[in-house]
Protein backbone atom coordinates (compact mmCIF):
# COMPACT_ATOMS: atom_id res chain seq x y z
CA MET A 1 102.34 125.86 84.32
CA THR A 2 102.63 124.32 87.77
CA ALA A 3 105.53 125.45 89.96
CA PRO A 4 108.27 122.79 90.23
CA LEU A 5 108.13 122.81 94.03
CA THR A 6 105.14 121.66 96.06
CA ARG A 7 104.80 123.14 99.55
CA THR A 8 102.62 121.23 101.98
CA ARG A 9 101.93 122.79 105.35
CA LEU A 10 101.05 120.96 108.52
CA ARG A 11 101.04 121.50 112.26
CA VAL A 12 102.65 119.10 114.72
CA ARG A 13 99.97 117.65 117.01
CA GLY A 14 100.32 115.83 120.30
CA TYR A 15 99.67 112.44 118.71
CA HIS A 16 102.74 112.92 116.49
CA LEU A 17 105.05 112.93 119.51
CA ASP A 18 107.16 110.25 121.15
CA GLY A 19 107.82 109.85 124.86
CA TYR A 20 110.48 112.58 124.71
CA GLY A 21 108.10 115.22 123.40
CA HIS A 22 109.57 115.21 119.86
CA VAL A 23 107.94 114.09 116.64
CA ASN A 24 108.35 110.33 116.44
CA ASN A 25 110.74 109.32 113.64
CA ALA A 26 108.06 107.19 111.94
CA ARG A 27 105.69 110.17 111.77
CA TYR A 28 108.11 111.93 109.45
CA LEU A 29 107.42 109.15 106.93
CA GLU A 30 103.76 110.18 107.02
CA PHE A 31 104.62 113.86 106.67
CA LEU A 32 106.78 113.08 103.64
CA GLU A 33 104.08 110.90 102.11
CA GLU A 34 101.58 113.73 102.55
CA GLY A 35 103.98 115.93 100.60
CA ARG A 36 104.22 113.40 97.76
CA TRP A 37 100.42 113.04 97.55
CA ALA A 38 100.14 116.83 97.37
CA TYR A 39 102.80 116.90 94.66
CA PHE A 40 100.72 114.68 92.39
CA ASP A 41 97.45 116.39 93.39
CA GLU A 42 98.94 119.59 91.96
CA ARG A 43 99.88 117.78 88.73
CA PRO A 44 96.75 116.04 87.42
CA GLU A 45 98.43 115.62 84.02
CA VAL A 46 100.81 113.17 85.71
CA ALA A 47 98.43 111.74 88.34
CA ARG A 48 96.01 110.62 85.62
CA TRP A 49 98.50 107.94 84.59
CA PHE A 50 98.01 106.21 87.93
CA ALA A 51 94.27 106.75 88.46
CA PRO A 52 93.09 103.63 86.55
CA GLY A 53 95.16 101.43 88.88
CA GLU A 54 97.12 99.67 86.14
CA VAL A 55 100.44 101.39 86.88
CA ALA A 56 101.62 102.36 90.35
CA LEU A 57 104.50 104.37 91.76
CA VAL A 58 106.29 102.11 94.22
CA ALA A 59 108.88 103.29 96.71
CA VAL A 60 112.01 101.12 96.60
CA ASN A 61 114.35 103.21 98.76
CA LEU A 62 113.98 106.05 101.23
CA ASN A 63 116.87 107.89 102.86
CA ILE A 64 116.10 110.34 105.64
CA ASP A 65 118.43 112.66 107.50
CA TYR A 66 116.89 113.89 110.73
CA ARG A 67 118.40 117.33 111.37
CA ARG A 68 116.36 118.89 114.20
CA ALA A 69 113.51 117.89 116.44
CA ALA A 70 110.02 119.21 115.80
CA VAL A 71 107.66 119.57 118.76
CA ALA A 72 103.94 120.08 119.39
CA GLY A 73 102.67 123.32 117.88
CA ASP A 74 105.45 123.65 115.29
CA ASP A 75 104.19 124.64 111.86
CA LEU A 76 106.09 122.68 109.23
CA GLU A 77 106.41 122.88 105.48
CA VAL A 78 107.13 119.78 103.41
CA GLN A 79 108.85 120.72 100.17
CA THR A 80 108.75 118.16 97.36
CA VAL A 81 110.31 118.01 93.89
CA LEU A 82 111.05 115.43 91.25
CA ALA A 83 114.85 115.41 91.34
CA THR A 84 115.99 112.78 88.82
CA LEU A 85 114.40 110.71 86.09
CA GLY A 86 116.19 107.57 84.99
CA GLY A 87 115.25 104.83 82.57
CA ARG A 88 113.74 102.52 85.21
CA SER A 89 113.56 104.63 88.37
CA ALA A 90 113.22 108.21 89.52
CA ARG A 91 113.99 110.16 92.69
CA MET A 92 112.02 112.70 94.62
CA ARG A 93 113.79 115.06 97.01
CA GLN A 94 111.98 116.36 100.02
CA ARG A 95 112.75 118.49 102.99
CA ILE A 96 110.76 119.55 105.99
CA LEU A 97 111.34 123.06 107.32
CA ARG A 98 110.06 124.66 110.49
CA ARG A 99 108.10 127.65 109.22
CA GLY A 100 108.77 129.86 112.24
CA ASP A 101 112.53 130.07 111.73
CA GLY A 102 113.13 128.25 108.42
CA GLU A 103 115.31 125.62 110.12
CA LEU A 104 115.76 122.31 108.30
CA VAL A 105 114.13 119.48 110.25
CA VAL A 106 114.36 116.60 107.75
CA ASP A 107 116.01 116.03 104.37
CA ALA A 108 114.94 112.96 102.38
CA THR A 109 115.37 111.25 99.02
CA LEU A 110 112.86 108.67 97.81
CA THR A 111 113.56 106.37 94.87
CA PHE A 112 110.54 104.92 93.08
CA VAL A 113 109.81 102.65 90.14
CA LEU A 114 106.75 102.22 87.99
CA LEU A 115 104.99 98.94 88.62
CA ASP A 116 102.66 97.11 86.26
CA VAL A 117 100.05 96.12 88.84
CA ALA A 118 98.81 93.06 86.92
CA SER A 119 102.22 91.47 86.30
CA GLN A 120 103.95 92.92 89.40
CA GLN A 121 106.89 93.84 87.16
CA ALA A 122 108.78 97.12 87.04
CA LEU A 123 108.25 99.13 83.88
CA PRO A 124 110.63 101.42 82.04
CA ILE A 125 109.85 105.13 82.35
CA GLU A 126 109.24 105.96 78.71
CA GLY A 127 106.86 107.38 76.17
CA ALA A 128 104.17 109.91 77.04
CA LEU A 129 104.59 109.45 80.78
CA ARG A 130 108.30 110.25 80.51
CA GLU A 131 107.42 113.31 78.43
CA ALA A 132 105.05 114.44 81.19
CA LEU A 133 107.63 113.88 83.96
CA ALA A 134 110.80 115.19 82.29
CA PRO A 135 109.95 118.93 82.47
CA LEU A 136 109.27 118.58 86.21
CA VAL A 137 112.82 117.57 87.16
CA VAL A 138 114.55 120.25 89.24
CA ASP A 139 117.31 120.56 91.83
CA LEU A 140 115.70 121.20 95.22
CA ASP A 141 118.82 122.98 96.45
CA THR A 142 118.44 125.71 93.81
CA LEU A 143 114.85 126.54 94.81
CA ALA A 144 113.87 128.90 97.60
């Protein structure tokens, strides 16, 4: 069984920085997306639902709290979990920690829906896909 928490490691590079020498706020979106891709890479039983291109996960809301600045050379860890599963949407919780001292850099919640690519309509989260997702739901705050 796959662990409920995906940990994605990355190093802050010079091209991630803004004019103040901190990671640019938009780069955190990329870091978080990398974490979500890794989450589904580690769960092929779920990712297979999206591989044919008929159904897509579509972000409809993203809330980010920037807690601390990350700078060039920082080693970061993006932690990702599936936090809630509703009838028509679900939420992923993510946080980015600085590995050197464990300090919280970013805390984020992403809401997504399932989209029927052909009709461009949102789909209910039901059936076999719901059965595959439901056991993955965990509270990020309870995990180490």
